[in-house]
């Protein structure tokens, strides 16, 4: 998925993301079923769809909890060590 498409999808409402998630899961189900009967033309498409589903679920979860702070980067400094004077 291209970065412009990701940004465009990310800006959708939670309801639109949920609809996209439903469609993607249905598509993945059909593709897996076809692949179990006969080899798919592009077996990597299953992986791409699985990742797309995870991406959509993450964005839906982020929209549900907008007040949560992003995790901060950890510092390598030792907090117990006092500066020497």
C-alpha atoms as a PDB file:
ATOM      1  CA  UNK A   1       0.000   0.000   0.000  1.00  0.00           C
ATOM      2  CA  UNK A   2       1.392   3.357  -0.970  1.00  0.00           C
ATOM      3  CA  UNK A   3       1.958   6.031   1.648  1.00  0.00           C
ATOM      4  CA  UNK A   4      -0.562   8.412   0.056  1.00  0.00           C
ATOM      5  CA  UNK A   5      -3.219   5.713   0.226  1.00  0.00           C
ATOM      6  CA  UNK A   6      -2.349   5.053   3.871  1.00  0.00           C
ATOM      7  CA  UNK A   7      -2.650   8.718   4.795  1.00  0.00           C
ATOM      8  CA  UNK A   8      -5.902   9.019   2.873  1.00  0.00           C
ATOM      9  CA  UNK A   9      -7.390   5.997   4.654  1.00  0.00           C
ATOM     10  CA  UNK A  10      -6.076   7.100   8.021  1.00  0.00           C
ATOM     11  CA  UNK A  11      -8.070  10.327   7.779  1.00  0.00           C
ATOM     12  CA  UNK A  12     -11.376   8.483   7.300  1.00  0.00           C
ATOM     13  CA  UNK A  13     -13.917   8.237  10.106  1.00  0.00           C
ATOM     14  CA  UNK A  14     -14.101   5.187  12.344  1.00  0.00           C
ATOM     15  CA  UNK A  15     -17.292   4.007  10.586  1.00  0.00           C
ATOM     16  CA  UNK A  16     -15.631   4.205   7.161  1.00  0.00           C
ATOM     17  CA  UNK A  17     -12.591   2.353   8.480  1.00  0.00           C
ATOM     18  CA  UNK A  18     -14.875  -0.320   9.925  1.00  0.00           C
ATOM     19  CA  UNK A  19     -16.578  -0.740   6.529  1.00  0.00           C
ATOM     20  CA  UNK A  20     -13.174  -1.032   4.834  1.00  0.00           C
ATOM     21  CA  UNK A  21     -12.125  -3.590   7.458  1.00  0.00           C
ATOM     22  CA  UNK A  22     -15.209  -5.709   6.781  1.00  0.00           C
ATOM     23  CA  UNK A  23     -14.583  -5.631   3.026  1.00  0.00           C
ATOM     24  CA  UNK A  24     -10.905  -6.491   3.465  1.00  0.00           C
ATOM     25  CA  UNK A  25     -11.638  -9.413   5.790  1.00  0.00           C
ATOM     26  CA  UNK A  26     -14.186 -10.762   3.301  1.00  0.00           C
ATOM     27  CA  UNK A  27     -11.677 -10.440   0.476  1.00  0.00           C
ATOM     28  CA  UNK A  28      -9.020 -12.204   2.542  1.00  0.00           C
ATOM     29  CA  UNK A  29     -11.442 -15.035   3.377  1.00  0.00           C
ATOM     30  CA  UNK A  30     -12.264 -15.568  -0.303  1.00  0.00           C
ATOM     31  CA  UNK A  31      -8.599 -15.456  -1.285  1.00  0.00           C
ATOM     32  CA  UNK A  32      -7.603 -17.978   1.395  1.00  0.00           C
ATOM     33  CA  UNK A  33     -10.418 -20.289   0.314  1.00  0.00           C
ATOM     34  CA  UNK A  34      -9.402 -20.085  -3.343  1.00  0.00           C
ATOM     35  CA  UNK A  35      -5.762 -20.613  -2.398  1.00  0.00           C
ATOM     36  CA  UNK A  36      -6.601 -23.778  -0.448  1.00  0.00           C
ATOM     37  CA  UNK A  37      -8.351 -25.239  -3.527  1.00  0.00           C
ATOM     38  CA  UNK A  38      -5.820 -24.130  -6.119  1.00  0.00           C
ATOM     39  CA  UNK A  39      -2.597 -22.117  -5.857  1.00  0.00           C
ATOM     40  CA  UNK A  40      -3.171 -18.375  -6.015  1.00  0.00           C
ATOM     41  CA  UNK A  41      -1.542 -16.300  -8.729  1.00  0.00           C
ATOM     42  CA  UNK A  42      -0.007 -14.057  -6.105  1.00  0.00           C
ATOM     43  CA  UNK A  43       0.286 -15.776  -2.708  1.00  0.00           C
ATOM     44  CA  UNK A  44       1.835 -12.648  -1.179  1.00  0.00           C
ATOM     45  CA  UNK A  45      -1.540 -10.951  -1.499  1.00  0.00           C
ATOM     46  CA  UNK A  46      -2.719 -12.911   1.562  1.00  0.00           C
ATOM     47  CA  UNK A  47       0.121 -11.399   3.593  1.00  0.00           C
ATOM     48  CA  UNK A  48      -0.610  -7.915   2.275  1.00  0.00           C
ATOM     49  CA  UNK A  49      -4.293  -8.242   3.171  1.00  0.00           C
ATOM     50  CA  UNK A  50      -3.433  -9.542   6.654  1.00  0.00           C
ATOM     51  CA  UNK A  51      -1.216  -6.519   7.238  1.00  0.00           C
ATOM     52  CA  UNK A  52      -3.872  -4.190   5.866  1.00  0.00           C
ATOM     53  CA  UNK A  53      -6.394  -5.657   8.322  1.00  0.00           C
ATOM     54  CA  UNK A  54      -3.959  -5.060  11.192  1.00  0.00           C
ATOM     55  CA  UNK A  55      -3.382  -1.493  10.017  1.00  0.00           C
ATOM     56  CA  UNK A  56      -7.131  -0.809   9.853  1.00  0.00           C
ATOM     57  CA  UNK A  57      -7.727  -2.312  13.301  1.00  0.00           C
ATOM     58  CA  UNK A  58      -4.945  -0.139  14.719  1.00  0.00           C
ATOM     59  CA  UNK A  59      -6.407   3.028  13.221  1.00  0.00           C
ATOM     60  CA  UNK A  60      -9.899   2.156  14.483  1.00  0.00           C
ATOM     61  CA  UNK A  61      -8.485   1.588  17.968  1.00  0.00           C
ATOM     62  CA  UNK A  62      -6.596   4.896  17.822  1.00  0.00           C
ATOM     63  CA  UNK A  63      -9.766   6.741  16.869  1.00  0.00           C
ATOM     64  CA  UNK A  64     -11.601   5.082  19.761  1.00  0.00           C
ATOM     65  CA  UNK A  65      -9.018   6.299  22.312  1.00  0.00           C
ATOM     66  CA  UNK A  66      -7.721   9.678  21.098  1.00  0.00           C
ATOM     67  CA  UNK A  67      -6.744  10.850  24.600  1.00  0.00           C
ATOM     68  CA  UNK A  68      -3.991   8.282  24.991  1.00  0.00           C
ATOM     69  CA  UNK A  69      -0.476   9.681  24.802  1.00  0.00           C
ATOM     70  CA  UNK A  70       2.038   8.117  22.426  1.00  0.00           C
ATOM     71  CA  UNK A  71       4.808   6.264  24.271  1.00  0.00           C
ATOM     72  CA  UNK A  72       7.895   8.341  25.005  1.00  0.00           C
ATOM     73  CA  UNK A  73      11.368   7.353  23.946  1.00  0.00           C
ATOM     74  CA  UNK A  74      13.443   5.837  26.704  1.00  0.00           C
ATOM     75  CA  UNK A  75      16.540   7.651  27.821  1.00  0.00           C
ATOM     76  CA  UNK A  76      19.839   5.835  28.212  1.00  0.00           C
ATOM     77  CA  UNK A  77      20.814   7.973  31.192  1.00  0.00           C
ATOM     78  CA  UNK A  78      20.949   6.264  34.557  1.00  0.00           C
ATOM     79  CA  UNK A  79      18.379   8.026  36.803  1.00  0.00           C
ATOM     80  CA  UNK A  80      20.016   6.725  40.001  1.00  0.00           C
ATOM     81  CA  UNK A  81      23.418   8.173  39.248  1.00  0.00           C
ATOM     82  CA  UNK A  82      23.836  11.595  40.805  1.00  0.00           C
ATOM     83  CA  UNK A  83      25.969  14.184  38.997  1.00  0.00           C
ATOM     84  CA  UNK A  84      29.390  14.663  40.584  1.00  0.00           C
ATOM     85  CA  UNK A  85      30.213  18.123  41.880  1.00  0.00           C
END
